[in-house]
Structure formats: structure tokens, C-alpha cells
């Protein structure tokens, strides 16, 4: 009986661990060419540059300008969006912060 209670607590705790998620969106046309942007001055220590990218908005793309951003955790790096052609259209995988330490929390 005691072990059932312990197993239940451990299982319930495991449900609260964030799981990585990657969202893919399909759009009928390829993204436009990447825009060249000048980086603004570094606002301070601890910032990382995130390049601008085309983000799907309904059935079209909208440019998201580059920006300085603080990584959400130590060792995080920005993974740029990816665009891949499939039979049903262009798959767009949104950019996200990631780490080489895949066992830890990741902000997607």
C-alpha cells in the first residue's frame, strides 16, 4: 500500500516536467528571400543576436525583424526557423532556443 502511494507521487511529479515541442506549419508558397539587416548596438552583456526571419501568418509570410534577446537559460542558443518543401506545401518550423544538453528544460 505504501509503495502505491510513493509511485503515485513520483508519477504525478513526472507529469509536471516540461516536454519539448516543435510546431510545424504548412504554407503553399516558399518564403521570400531573407532581408539584410544591420545589427543595432549591443544593449549590454548577456544578449544574443536573433536574425530576422519570415514567419507564416495565415497563407502568407510576415517579416520578423532581427533583435537582441537574452537567452532564457545558460548555454541556450537560437535555432533559426527552417523551411522544407513537401507535397502539401512548405513546412515551416519556427525558430526556438535550444541547448546541446537535451535532458534539460528547453524553451520552444
N, C-alpha and C. Protein backbone atom coordinates (compact mmCIF):
# COMPACT_ATOMS: atom_id res chain seq x y z
N UNK A 1 0.82 -1.19 0.00
CA UNK A 1 0.00 0.00 0.00
C UNK A 1 0.86 1.25 0.00
N UNK A 2 1.89 1.25 0.87
CA UNK A 2 2.78 2.40 0.96
C UNK A 2 3.48 2.67 -0.38
N UNK A 3 3.90 1.60 -1.07
CA UNK A 3 4.59 1.77 -2.35
C UNK A 3 3.67 2.34 -3.42
N UNK A 4 2.40 1.99 -3.40
CA UNK A 4 1.46 2.55 -4.37
C UNK A 4 1.37 4.07 -4.22
N UNK A 5 1.37 4.51 -2.97
CA UNK A 5 1.31 5.95 -2.72
C UNK A 5 2.57 6.64 -3.23
N UNK A 6 3.73 6.04 -2.99
CA UNK A 6 5.01 6.61 -3.44
C UNK A 6 5.06 6.63 -4.96
N UNK A 7 4.65 5.54 -5.60
CA UNK A 7 4.63 5.51 -7.06
C UNK A 7 3.69 6.59 -7.61
N UNK A 8 2.58 6.78 -6.97
CA UNK A 8 1.63 7.82 -7.40
C UNK A 8 2.22 9.21 -7.32
N UNK A 9 2.95 9.50 -6.25
CA UNK A 9 3.58 10.82 -6.09
C UNK A 9 4.65 11.02 -7.16
N UNK A 10 5.48 10.00 -7.40
CA UNK A 10 6.53 10.10 -8.41
C UNK A 10 5.92 10.30 -9.79
N UNK A 11 4.87 9.56 -10.12
CA UNK A 11 4.21 9.68 -11.41
C UNK A 11 3.60 11.07 -11.58
N UNK A 12 2.93 11.57 -10.55
CA UNK A 12 2.32 12.90 -10.61
C UNK A 12 3.39 13.97 -10.80
N UNK A 13 4.52 13.82 -10.14
CA UNK A 13 5.62 14.78 -10.30
C UNK A 13 6.18 14.75 -11.70
N UNK A 14 6.26 13.57 -12.31
CA UNK A 14 6.78 13.47 -13.68
C UNK A 14 5.87 14.19 -14.68
N UNK A 15 4.60 14.27 -14.39
CA UNK A 15 3.68 14.95 -15.30
C UNK A 15 3.92 16.45 -15.36
N UNK A 16 4.60 17.01 -14.38
CA UNK A 16 4.84 18.45 -14.35
C UNK A 16 6.12 18.84 -15.07
N UNK A 17 6.92 17.90 -15.53
CA UNK A 17 8.17 18.20 -16.23
C UNK A 17 7.83 18.69 -17.64
N UNK A 18 8.34 19.88 -18.05
CA UNK A 18 8.04 20.39 -19.39
C UNK A 18 8.65 19.48 -20.46
N UNK A 19 7.90 19.21 -21.48
CA UNK A 19 8.36 18.38 -22.58
C UNK A 19 8.62 19.28 -23.79
N UNK A 20 9.67 19.01 -24.55
CA UNK A 20 9.94 19.81 -25.73
C UNK A 20 8.85 19.62 -26.77
N UNK A 21 8.52 20.69 -27.46
CA UNK A 21 7.52 20.63 -28.51
C UNK A 21 8.01 21.41 -29.70
N UNK A 22 7.73 20.93 -30.87
CA UNK A 22 8.10 21.64 -32.09
C UNK A 22 6.86 21.72 -32.95
N UNK A 23 6.50 22.92 -33.30
CA UNK A 23 5.30 23.14 -34.09
C UNK A 23 5.68 23.34 -35.55
N UNK A 24 5.03 22.60 -36.44
CA UNK A 24 5.24 22.77 -37.87
C UNK A 24 3.97 23.33 -38.48
N UNK A 25 4.15 24.27 -39.40
CA UNK A 25 3.05 24.89 -40.12
C UNK A 25 3.31 24.68 -41.60
N UNK A 26 2.28 24.40 -42.38
CA UNK A 26 2.44 24.25 -43.83
C UNK A 26 1.80 25.43 -44.53
N UNK A 27 2.52 25.96 -45.53
CA UNK A 27 2.04 27.10 -46.30
C UNK A 27 2.33 26.80 -47.77
N UNK A 28 1.49 27.27 -48.67
CA UNK A 28 1.57 26.89 -50.08
C UNK A 28 2.73 27.45 -50.87
N UNK A 29 3.41 28.46 -50.39
CA UNK A 29 4.48 29.08 -51.17
C UNK A 29 5.77 29.14 -50.36
N UNK A 30 6.91 29.22 -51.06
CA UNK A 30 8.17 29.31 -50.32
C UNK A 30 8.32 30.69 -49.68
N UNK A 31 9.16 30.79 -48.67
CA UNK A 31 9.37 32.11 -48.05
C UNK A 31 10.14 33.02 -49.01
N UNK A 32 9.93 34.33 -48.92
CA UNK A 32 10.73 35.26 -49.73
C UNK A 32 12.19 35.20 -49.29
N UNK A 33 13.05 35.89 -50.04
CA UNK A 33 14.47 35.94 -49.70
C UNK A 33 14.66 36.63 -48.35
N UNK A 34 15.65 36.20 -47.62
CA UNK A 34 15.96 36.80 -46.32
C UNK A 34 16.40 38.25 -46.55
N UNK A 35 15.96 39.14 -45.68
CA UNK A 35 16.35 40.55 -45.77
C UNK A 35 17.67 40.77 -45.05
N UNK A 36 18.45 41.68 -45.60
CA UNK A 36 19.67 42.06 -44.90
C UNK A 36 19.31 43.11 -43.86
N UNK A 37 19.80 42.93 -42.65
CA UNK A 37 19.53 43.89 -41.58
C UNK A 37 20.83 44.26 -40.89
N UNK A 38 20.94 45.50 -40.55
CA UNK A 38 22.06 45.96 -39.74
C UNK A 38 21.75 45.73 -38.28
N UNK A 39 22.71 45.20 -37.57
CA UNK A 39 22.51 45.00 -36.14
C UNK A 39 22.60 46.33 -35.42
N UNK A 40 21.69 46.53 -34.51
CA UNK A 40 21.77 47.70 -33.65
C UNK A 40 22.89 47.44 -32.64
N UNK A 41 23.34 48.49 -31.95
CA UNK A 41 24.40 48.28 -30.96
C UNK A 41 23.97 47.29 -29.87
N UNK A 42 24.93 46.53 -29.38
CA UNK A 42 24.68 45.58 -28.30
C UNK A 42 24.15 46.33 -27.08
N UNK A 43 22.97 45.96 -26.56
CA UNK A 43 22.39 46.70 -25.44
C UNK A 43 23.07 46.44 -24.09
N UNK A 44 23.85 45.39 -24.00
CA UNK A 44 24.52 45.09 -22.74
C UNK A 44 25.03 43.67 -22.72
N UNK A 45 25.73 43.29 -21.66
CA UNK A 45 26.24 41.92 -21.58
C UNK A 45 25.11 40.90 -21.44
N UNK A 46 25.37 39.70 -21.95
CA UNK A 46 24.40 38.61 -21.80
C UNK A 46 23.36 38.54 -22.91
N UNK A 47 23.45 39.40 -23.94
CA UNK A 47 22.49 39.38 -25.03
C UNK A 47 23.03 38.57 -26.20
N UNK A 48 22.13 37.98 -26.97
CA UNK A 48 22.48 37.24 -28.18
C UNK A 48 21.65 37.81 -29.33
N UNK A 49 22.24 37.88 -30.53
CA UNK A 49 21.52 38.38 -31.70
C UNK A 49 20.67 37.27 -32.29
N UNK A 50 19.40 37.57 -32.55
CA UNK A 50 18.47 36.66 -33.22
C UNK A 50 18.20 37.28 -34.58
N UNK A 51 18.63 36.60 -35.66
CA UNK A 51 18.42 37.12 -37.00
C UNK A 51 16.94 37.24 -37.34
N UNK A 52 16.62 38.19 -38.20
CA UNK A 52 15.25 38.31 -38.69
C UNK A 52 14.87 37.10 -39.53
N UNK A 53 13.57 36.86 -39.65
CA UNK A 53 13.11 35.68 -40.40
C UNK A 53 11.67 35.91 -40.88
N UNK A 54 11.26 35.08 -41.83
CA UNK A 54 9.89 35.11 -42.33
C UNK A 54 9.04 34.16 -41.51
N UNK A 55 7.97 34.68 -40.94
CA UNK A 55 7.06 33.89 -40.11
C UNK A 55 5.72 33.72 -40.83
N UNK A 56 5.15 32.50 -40.85
CA UNK A 56 3.86 32.32 -41.51
C UNK A 56 2.74 33.03 -40.76
N UNK A 57 1.93 33.73 -41.51
CA UNK A 57 0.75 34.43 -40.98
C UNK A 57 -0.41 34.09 -41.90
N UNK A 58 -1.19 33.08 -41.53
CA UNK A 58 -2.26 32.62 -42.42
C UNK A 58 -1.65 31.96 -43.64
N UNK A 59 -1.97 32.48 -44.84
CA UNK A 59 -1.43 31.90 -46.08
C UNK A 59 -0.31 32.74 -46.67
N UNK A 60 0.32 33.58 -45.86
CA UNK A 60 1.43 34.42 -46.34
C UNK A 60 2.51 34.49 -45.26
N UNK A 61 3.60 35.17 -45.59
CA UNK A 61 4.70 35.34 -44.65
C UNK A 61 4.79 36.80 -44.22
N UNK A 62 5.23 36.99 -42.98
CA UNK A 62 5.44 38.33 -42.46
C UNK A 62 6.86 38.38 -41.89
N UNK A 63 7.59 39.46 -42.23
CA UNK A 63 8.96 39.58 -41.76
C UNK A 63 9.00 39.93 -40.28
N UNK A 64 9.80 39.19 -39.53
CA UNK A 64 10.04 39.46 -38.11
C UNK A 64 11.46 40.00 -38.03
N UNK A 65 11.62 41.27 -37.66
CA UNK A 65 12.97 41.86 -37.65
C UNK A 65 13.90 41.20 -36.64
N UNK A 66 15.20 41.27 -36.94
CA UNK A 66 16.20 40.76 -36.02
C UNK A 66 16.19 41.58 -34.73
N UNK A 67 16.72 40.97 -33.67
CA UNK A 67 16.68 41.66 -32.38
C UNK A 67 17.75 41.09 -31.45
N UNK A 68 18.09 41.87 -30.45
CA UNK A 68 18.92 41.39 -29.36
C UNK A 68 17.99 40.78 -28.33
N UNK A 69 18.32 39.62 -27.83
CA UNK A 69 17.47 38.93 -26.87
C UNK A 69 18.35 38.26 -25.81
N UNK A 70 17.82 38.10 -24.63
CA UNK A 70 18.54 37.37 -23.59
C UNK A 70 18.14 35.90 -23.67
N UNK A 71 19.12 35.01 -23.80
CA UNK A 71 18.79 33.59 -23.78
C UNK A 71 18.06 33.23 -22.49
N UNK A 72 17.07 32.33 -22.55
CA UNK A 72 16.26 32.01 -21.37
C UNK A 72 17.00 31.21 -20.29
N UNK A 73 18.14 30.62 -20.62
CA UNK A 73 18.91 29.86 -19.65
C UNK A 73 20.36 29.77 -20.15
N UNK A 74 21.27 29.50 -19.25
CA UNK A 74 22.68 29.43 -19.60
C UNK A 74 22.94 28.30 -20.60
N UNK A 75 23.72 28.59 -21.63
CA UNK A 75 24.05 27.60 -22.65
C UNK A 75 23.04 27.53 -23.78
N UNK A 76 21.99 28.35 -23.73
CA UNK A 76 20.98 28.33 -24.80
C UNK A 76 21.52 29.01 -26.05
N UNK A 77 21.12 28.52 -27.19
CA UNK A 77 21.45 29.14 -28.48
C UNK A 77 20.20 29.20 -29.31
N UNK A 78 20.12 30.20 -30.20
CA UNK A 78 18.96 30.37 -31.05
C UNK A 78 19.08 29.47 -32.26
N UNK A 79 18.06 28.69 -32.52
CA UNK A 79 17.99 27.85 -33.72
C UNK A 79 17.04 28.54 -34.67
N UNK A 80 17.55 28.92 -35.83
CA UNK A 80 16.73 29.70 -36.77
C UNK A 80 15.58 28.85 -37.33
N UNK A 81 14.54 29.51 -37.83
CA UNK A 81 13.43 28.76 -38.43
C UNK A 81 13.93 27.97 -39.64
N UNK A 82 13.25 26.88 -39.94
CA UNK A 82 13.60 26.04 -41.09
C UNK A 82 12.40 25.92 -42.01
N UNK A 83 12.68 25.89 -43.30
CA UNK A 83 11.65 25.79 -44.32
C UNK A 83 12.01 24.59 -45.21
N UNK A 84 11.06 23.68 -45.37
CA UNK A 84 11.31 22.48 -46.17
C UNK A 84 10.10 22.20 -47.05
N UNK A 85 10.35 21.93 -48.33
CA UNK A 85 9.26 21.68 -49.27
C UNK A 85 8.77 20.24 -49.16
N UNK A 86 7.44 20.09 -49.09
CA UNK A 86 6.77 18.79 -49.09
C UNK A 86 5.65 18.84 -50.13
N UNK A 87 5.05 17.70 -50.38
CA UNK A 87 3.96 17.62 -51.34
C UNK A 87 2.79 18.55 -50.96
N UNK A 88 2.51 18.69 -49.65
CA UNK A 88 1.39 19.52 -49.21
C UNK A 88 1.75 20.99 -49.05
N UNK A 89 2.99 21.36 -49.37
CA UNK A 89 3.40 22.76 -49.29
C UNK A 89 4.72 22.90 -48.56
N UNK A 90 5.00 24.09 -48.10
CA UNK A 90 6.25 24.37 -47.38
C UNK A 90 6.03 24.20 -45.89
N UNK A 91 6.83 23.32 -45.31
CA UNK A 91 6.78 23.14 -43.85
C UNK A 91 7.66 24.21 -43.22
N UNK A 92 7.10 24.91 -42.26
CA UNK A 92 7.85 25.94 -41.55
C UNK A 92 7.97 25.50 -40.10
N UNK A 93 9.20 25.36 -39.64
CA UNK A 93 9.46 25.06 -38.23
C UNK A 93 9.96 26.34 -37.60
N UNK A 94 9.21 26.84 -36.64
CA UNK A 94 9.54 28.11 -36.01
C UNK A 94 10.90 28.05 -35.32
N UNK A 95 11.56 29.19 -35.24
CA UNK A 95 12.81 29.29 -34.51
C UNK A 95 12.56 29.11 -33.02
N UNK A 96 13.60 28.72 -32.29
CA UNK A 96 13.44 28.48 -30.85
C UNK A 96 14.81 28.47 -30.18
N UNK A 97 14.80 28.63 -28.88
CA UNK A 97 16.01 28.49 -28.09
C UNK A 97 16.23 27.01 -27.81
N UNK A 98 17.48 26.58 -27.89
CA UNK A 98 17.80 25.17 -27.65
C UNK A 98 19.17 25.09 -26.98
N UNK A 99 19.53 23.88 -26.60
CA UNK A 99 20.79 23.64 -25.92
C UNK A 99 21.32 22.29 -26.37
N UNK A 100 22.61 22.12 -26.24
CA UNK A 100 23.19 20.81 -26.53
C UNK A 100 22.88 19.81 -25.44
N UNK A 101 22.44 20.31 -24.29
CA UNK A 101 22.05 19.44 -23.18
C UNK A 101 20.56 19.14 -23.30
N UNK A 102 20.22 18.11 -24.07
CA UNK A 102 18.82 17.83 -24.39
C UNK A 102 18.00 17.31 -23.22
N UNK A 103 18.62 16.95 -22.11
CA UNK A 103 17.86 16.45 -20.98
C UNK A 103 17.29 17.55 -20.11
N UNK A 104 17.70 18.78 -20.35
CA UNK A 104 17.25 19.89 -19.52
C UNK A 104 16.07 20.60 -20.16
N UNK A 105 15.50 21.54 -19.44
CA UNK A 105 14.37 22.33 -19.93
C UNK A 105 14.78 23.12 -21.16
N UNK A 106 13.92 23.12 -22.16
CA UNK A 106 14.16 23.89 -23.37
C UNK A 106 12.94 24.74 -23.65
N UNK A 107 13.16 25.97 -24.03
CA UNK A 107 12.08 26.89 -24.34
C UNK A 107 11.81 26.85 -25.83
N UNK A 108 10.69 26.27 -26.25
CA UNK A 108 10.34 26.19 -27.68
C UNK A 108 9.18 27.08 -27.96
